[in-house]
Amino acid sequence: MRVVVQRVSGARVEIDGAAVASIGGGLLVLAGFEAGDDDEDIEWMAAKLVRLRVFDDDRGVMNRSVFESGGDILAVSQFTLYASTRKGNRPSWGRAAPGELSGPLFKRFVVRLSDFLGKPVHTGVFGADMVVCLCNDGPVTLVLDSKAPE
C-alpha cells in the first residue's frame, strides 16, 4: 500500500463540477493498492497516518498529529501511485490492484482511519473521474509505503 499525504488548510473532491466531499484543516490522503496488500498493510498505514506528527504545536514545531490537532482526513483512491515508467514514456499500471481488489481494500482502509481518528473520514467516489482541489499547508507532502516503511 502506498500513500501520498499532504497537510492541507482545505481540500475537496468534485465530480462533474459538484463537490462530493470537503474538509478544512487536516490531511489529504491519496491511497493506492497493489495485489498482495492486506489488512496488515491497512492497519499499519491507518495508524501511521493518524499519529503522524506534521501539525504545529504551540511553539510552531511539527509535533502534533491530525488526531491531536482535531483535523479531518479526506481519503481518495489513487491507482496511479503504482505507475511504472521504466519502459518508454507511457506509464504502465500493472502493479496496481484491479478495482475488484482495491475497492474493498480502500473501504477497509477508510474504516480503520475513522476508527483511529475517532470520527468519520471523508472520501471521494471510488473509481470515479474526480477533480481533487487542495491548499497544501506548509507545503507538507510525504510518501509512505507499507512495504518499505522509512
Protein backbone atom coordinates (compact mmCIF):
# COMPACT_ATOMS: atom_id res chain seq x y z
CA MET A 1 0.00 0.00 0.00
CA ARG A 2 1.30 3.40 -0.94
CA VAL A 3 0.00 6.85 0.01
CA VAL A 4 0.81 10.45 -0.72
CA VAL A 5 -0.28 12.52 2.27
CA GLN A 6 -0.50 16.29 2.28
CA ARG A 7 -1.15 18.62 5.18
CA VAL A 8 -3.90 20.93 3.96
CA SER A 9 -5.73 24.00 5.12
CA GLY A 10 -8.60 22.78 2.95
CA ALA A 11 -9.37 20.17 0.30
CA ARG A 12 -12.34 18.94 -1.71
CA VAL A 13 -13.30 16.39 -4.33
CA GLU A 14 -15.51 17.35 -7.26
CA ILE A 15 -17.30 15.17 -9.77
CA ASP A 16 -18.83 16.85 -12.81
CA GLY A 17 -18.28 20.25 -11.16
CA ALA A 18 -20.12 19.37 -7.95
CA ALA A 19 -18.34 18.97 -4.61
CA VAL A 20 -18.87 15.47 -3.17
CA ALA A 21 -16.55 15.80 -0.15
CA SER A 22 -14.59 18.55 1.54
CA ILE A 23 -12.55 19.26 4.65
CA GLY A 24 -10.94 22.24 6.31
CA GLY A 25 -7.59 21.72 8.01
CA GLY A 26 -6.22 18.20 8.10
CA LEU A 27 -4.77 15.60 5.78
CA LEU A 28 -5.47 14.78 2.15
CA VAL A 29 -4.57 11.11 1.65
CA LEU A 30 -4.17 9.68 -1.85
CA ALA A 31 -4.13 5.89 -1.42
CA GLY A 32 -3.01 3.21 -3.86
CA PHE A 33 -3.09 -0.57 -3.52
CA GLU A 34 -1.24 -3.42 -5.20
CA ALA A 35 -2.01 -7.13 -5.34
CA GLY A 36 -0.87 -8.70 -2.09
CA ASP A 37 -1.89 -5.78 0.11
CA ASP A 38 -3.91 -6.96 3.09
CA ASP A 39 -5.31 -5.92 6.47
CA GLU A 40 -1.78 -5.73 7.94
CA ASP A 41 -0.85 -3.05 5.39
CA ILE A 42 -4.10 -1.19 6.09
CA GLU A 43 -3.62 -1.34 9.86
CA TRP A 44 -0.03 -0.07 9.69
CA MET A 45 -0.89 2.74 7.28
CA ALA A 46 -4.02 3.94 9.09
CA ALA A 47 -2.25 4.01 12.46
CA LYS A 48 0.79 5.78 10.98
CA LEU A 49 -1.29 8.47 9.27
CA VAL A 50 -3.42 9.33 12.29
CA ARG A 51 -0.34 9.51 14.55
CA LEU A 52 1.97 11.27 12.06
CA ARG A 53 3.24 14.45 13.75
CA VAL A 54 3.03 17.05 10.98
CA PHE A 55 0.95 19.76 12.69
CA ASP A 56 2.47 22.61 14.67
CA ASP A 57 2.41 22.69 18.44
CA ASP A 58 2.29 25.92 20.48
CA ARG A 59 5.96 26.62 19.67
CA GLY A 60 5.49 26.24 15.91
CA VAL A 61 7.21 22.84 15.80
CA MET A 62 5.63 19.96 13.84
CA ASN A 63 4.86 17.89 16.90
CA ARG A 64 1.10 17.18 16.76
CA SER A 65 -0.89 14.58 14.87
CA VAL A 66 -4.11 15.10 12.93
CA PHE A 67 -5.85 13.44 15.88
CA GLU A 68 -4.28 15.80 18.42
CA SER A 69 -4.94 18.86 16.28
CA GLY A 70 -8.62 17.98 15.73
CA GLY A 71 -8.17 17.95 11.95
CA ASP A 72 -10.05 15.94 9.36
CA ILE A 73 -8.97 13.43 6.73
CA LEU A 74 -10.04 13.32 3.09
CA ALA A 75 -9.09 9.96 1.52
CA VAL A 76 -9.06 9.41 -2.25
CA SER A 77 -8.28 6.15 -4.03
CA GLN A 78 -5.40 6.66 -6.49
CA PHE A 79 -4.29 3.65 -8.55
CA THR A 80 -1.74 5.79 -10.43
CA LEU A 81 0.56 5.69 -7.38
CA TYR A 82 1.71 2.32 -8.73
CA ALA A 83 2.69 3.59 -12.15
CA SER A 84 5.79 2.13 -13.73
CA THR A 85 7.72 4.36 -16.12
CA ARG A 86 10.74 2.09 -16.69
CA LYS A 87 9.99 1.40 -20.35
CA GLY A 88 9.12 4.22 -22.68
CA ASN A 89 7.09 7.27 -21.76
CA ARG A 90 3.65 5.78 -21.26
CA PRO A 91 3.07 4.67 -17.64
CA SER A 92 2.10 1.07 -17.01
CA TRP A 93 -0.43 0.30 -14.27
CA GLY A 94 0.38 -3.41 -13.98
CA ARG A 95 1.31 -3.26 -10.29
CA ALA A 96 -1.90 -1.52 -9.26
CA ALA A 97 -4.52 -3.84 -7.80
CA PRO A 98 -7.60 -4.13 -10.02
CA GLY A 99 -10.81 -2.48 -8.84
CA GLU A 100 -12.35 -5.69 -7.54
CA LEU A 101 -9.42 -5.96 -5.09
CA SER A 102 -8.63 -2.31 -4.42
CA GLY A 103 -12.25 -1.23 -3.85
CA PRO A 104 -12.74 -3.42 -0.75
CA LEU A 105 -9.21 -2.58 0.47
CA PHE A 106 -9.97 1.13 0.20
CA LYS A 107 -13.24 0.71 2.14
CA ARG A 108 -11.47 -1.18 4.94
CA PHE A 109 -8.73 1.47 4.98
CA VAL A 110 -11.30 4.26 5.43
CA VAL A 111 -12.98 2.33 8.26
CA ARG A 112 -9.66 1.90 10.09
CA LEU A 113 -8.73 5.55 9.57
CA SER A 114 -12.11 6.53 11.05
CA ASP A 115 -11.59 4.17 13.99
CA PHE A 116 -8.18 5.64 14.80
CA LEU A 117 -9.30 9.23 14.19
CA GLY A 118 -12.46 8.84 16.25
CA LYS A 119 -14.69 10.45 13.64
CA PRO A 120 -15.77 9.89 10.03
CA VAL A 121 -13.23 10.18 7.25
CA HIS A 122 -14.39 11.97 4.12
CA THR A 123 -13.82 10.26 0.76
CA GLY A 124 -14.03 10.71 -2.94
CA VAL A 125 -16.02 8.22 -5.02
CA PHE A 126 -14.10 5.03 -5.76
CA GLY A 127 -13.48 4.59 -9.49
CA ALA A 128 -14.94 7.96 -10.47
CA ASP A 129 -13.23 10.60 -12.57
CA MET A 130 -12.57 13.18 -9.84
CA VAL A 131 -11.06 16.61 -9.53
CA VAL A 132 -9.14 16.99 -6.27
CA CYS A 133 -8.64 20.57 -5.12
CA LEU A 134 -6.36 21.35 -2.21
CA CYS A 135 -4.49 24.07 -0.45
CA ASN A 136 -1.24 22.42 0.68
CA ASP A 137 -0.26 23.88 4.05
CA GLY A 138 3.49 24.28 4.50
CA PRO A 139 3.81 22.75 1.99
CA VAL A 140 3.99 19.39 3.72
CA THR A 141 3.85 16.33 1.43
CA LEU A 142 5.02 12.83 2.35
CA VAL A 143 5.06 9.47 0.58
CA LEU A 144 4.55 6.35 2.70
CA ASP A 145 4.74 2.73 1.57
CA SER A 146 3.67 -0.13 3.82
CA LYS A 147 6.15 -2.48 2.10
CA ALA A 148 9.07 -0.07 2.57
CA PRO A 149 8.49 1.85 5.81
CA GLU A 150 11.07 4.57 6.39
